[in-house]
C-alpha atoms as a PDB file:
ATOM      1  CA  MET A   1     -24.268  -5.911   6.107  1.00  0.00           C
ATOM      2  CA  ARG A   2     -21.584  -8.166   5.100  1.00  0.00           C
ATOM      3  CA  SER A   3     -18.643  -8.186   7.386  1.00  0.00           C
ATOM      4  CA  ASN A   4     -16.321  -7.004   4.733  1.00  0.00           C
ATOM      5  CA  GLN A   5     -19.072  -4.296   3.327  1.00  0.00           C
ATOM      6  CA  CYS A   6     -17.944  -0.650   3.813  1.00  0.00           C
ATOM      7  CA  PRO A   7     -20.282   1.005   6.147  1.00  0.00           C
ATOM      8  CA  VAL A   8     -19.434   4.293   4.472  1.00  0.00           C
ATOM      9  CA  CYS A   9     -20.218   3.715   0.946  1.00  0.00           C
ATOM     10  CA  ASP A  10     -21.069  -0.360   0.648  1.00  0.00           C
ATOM     11  CA  GLY A  11     -17.935  -0.894  -0.892  1.00  0.00           C
ATOM     12  CA  SER A  12     -15.527  -3.916  -0.217  1.00  0.00           C
ATOM     13  CA  LYS A  13     -13.143  -3.747   2.455  1.00  0.00           C
ATOM     14  CA  GLN A  14      -9.891  -5.657   2.106  1.00  0.00           C
ATOM     15  CA  PRO A  15      -6.737  -6.437   4.042  1.00  0.00           C
ATOM     16  CA  GLY A  16      -3.828  -3.865   3.299  1.00  0.00           C
ATOM     17  CA  ARG A  17      -1.304  -1.435   4.795  1.00  0.00           C
ATOM     18  CA  THR A  18      -1.688   2.138   5.519  1.00  0.00           C
ATOM     19  CA  THR A  19       0.595   5.108   7.345  1.00  0.00           C
ATOM     20  CA  PHE A  20      -0.183   6.514  10.786  1.00  0.00           C
ATOM     21  CA  THR A  21       0.798   9.774  11.836  1.00  0.00           C
ATOM     22  CA  ALA A  22       0.490  11.561  14.933  1.00  0.00           C
ATOM     23  CA  ASP A  23       0.891  15.134  15.233  1.00  0.00           C
ATOM     24  CA  LEU A  24       1.730  15.968  19.010  1.00  0.00           C
ATOM     25  CA  GLY A  25       2.355  19.644  18.288  1.00  0.00           C
ATOM     26  CA  GLU A  26       6.332  19.644  18.908  1.00  0.00           C
ATOM     27  CA  ASN A  27       6.723  16.106  18.020  1.00  0.00           C
ATOM     28  CA  LEU A  28       5.655  14.281  14.655  1.00  0.00           C
ATOM     29  CA  VAL A  29       5.376  10.460  14.811  1.00  0.00           C
ATOM     30  CA  VAL A  30       4.798   8.606  11.360  1.00  0.00           C
ATOM     31  CA  VAL A  31       4.557   4.763  11.418  1.00  0.00           C
ATOM     32  CA  ARG A  32       4.476   3.212   7.871  1.00  0.00           C
ATOM     33  CA  HIS A  33       3.201   0.046   6.525  1.00  0.00           C
ATOM     34  CA  VAL A  34       0.621  -0.361   9.356  1.00  0.00           C
ATOM     35  CA  PRO A  35      -1.700  -3.324   8.962  1.00  0.00           C
ATOM     36  CA  ALA A  36      -5.295  -2.371   8.246  1.00  0.00           C
ATOM     37  CA  THR A  37      -8.699  -2.869   6.575  1.00  0.00           C
ATOM     38  CA  ILE A  38      -8.968  -0.542   3.545  1.00  0.00           C
ATOM     39  CA  CYS A  39     -12.188   0.110   1.405  1.00  0.00           C
ATOM     40  CA  GLU A  40     -11.325  -0.731  -2.261  1.00  0.00           C
ATOM     41  CA  GLN A  41     -14.024   2.136  -3.196  1.00  0.00           C
ATOM     42  CA  CYS A  42     -13.707   4.850  -1.003  1.00  0.00           C
ATOM     43  CA  GLY A  43     -10.149   4.411   0.721  1.00  0.00           C
ATOM     44  CA  GLU A  44     -11.740   4.502   4.204  1.00  0.00           C
ATOM     45  CA  GLU A  45      -9.589   2.761   6.759  1.00  0.00           C
ATOM     46  CA  TRP A  46      -9.660   0.587  10.201  1.00  0.00           C
ATOM     47  CA  ILE A  47      -7.033  -0.435  12.254  1.00  0.00           C
ATOM     48  CA  ALA A  48      -7.506  -3.569  14.544  1.00  0.00           C
ATOM     49  CA  ASN A  49      -7.794  -2.995  18.346  1.00  0.00           C
ATOM     50  CA  ASP A  50      -4.189  -4.583  19.104  1.00  0.00           C
ATOM     51  CA  VAL A  51      -2.432  -2.751  16.312  1.00  0.00           C
ATOM     52  CA  ALA A  52      -4.106   0.421  17.637  1.00  0.00           C
ATOM     53  CA  LYS A  53      -2.900  -0.203  21.096  1.00  0.00           C
ATOM     54  CA  LEU A  54       0.839  -0.683  19.388  1.00  0.00           C
ATOM     55  CA  LEU A  55       0.520   2.843  18.073  1.00  0.00           C
ATOM     56  CA  GLU A  56      -0.560   4.223  21.133  1.00  0.00           C
ATOM     57  CA  GLU A  57       2.294   2.775  22.868  1.00  0.00           C
ATOM     58  CA  ILE A  58       4.612   4.040  20.088  1.00  0.00           C
ATOM     59  CA  VAL A  59       3.263   7.650  20.542  1.00  0.00           C
ATOM     60  CA  ALA A  60       3.299   7.587  24.295  1.00  0.00           C
ATOM     61  CA  LYS A  61       7.225   6.676  24.249  1.00  0.00           C
ATOM     62  CA  ALA A  62       7.789   9.160  21.495  1.00  0.00           C
ATOM     63  CA  ARG A  63       6.103  11.875  23.815  1.00  0.00           C
ATOM     64  CA  GLN A  64       7.918  10.956  26.617  1.00  0.00           C
ATOM     65  CA  GLU A  65      11.328  10.642  25.168  1.00  0.00           C
ATOM     66  CA  HIS A  66      10.615  14.153  23.635  1.00  0.00           C
ATOM     67  CA  ARG A  67      11.384  13.244  20.201  1.00  0.00           C
ATOM     68  CA  GLN A  68      10.759  15.896  17.458  1.00  0.00           C
ATOM     69  CA  PHE A  69      10.498  13.489  14.488  1.00  0.00           C
ATOM     70  CA  GLU A  70      10.212   9.709  14.255  1.00  0.00           C
ATOM     71  CA  VAL A  71       9.693   7.558  11.577  1.00  0.00           C
ATOM     72  CA  LEU A  72       8.967   4.112  12.083  1.00  0.00           C
ATOM     73  CA  SER A  73       7.870   0.781   9.998  1.00  0.00           C
ATOM     74  CA  LEU A  74       5.623  -1.978  11.070  1.00  0.00           C
ATOM     75  CA  ALA A  75       6.565  -4.128   7.994  1.00  0.00           C
END
């Protein structure tokens, strides 16, 4: 399998951007323009480990500060 081949549908994975949402029950965090690799055929998305770590930090901070709703952008 090629490194840019989608393991779900065999389509082609390309760099792009996505929106990440975390529903924490009483809190909602939305992060727009998140760098990701996206399959052109089926739309499956992959987020790199360093970006995922940043998203985890954002969610943890929102949870700690008891924010009900937060929208951020990584662009």
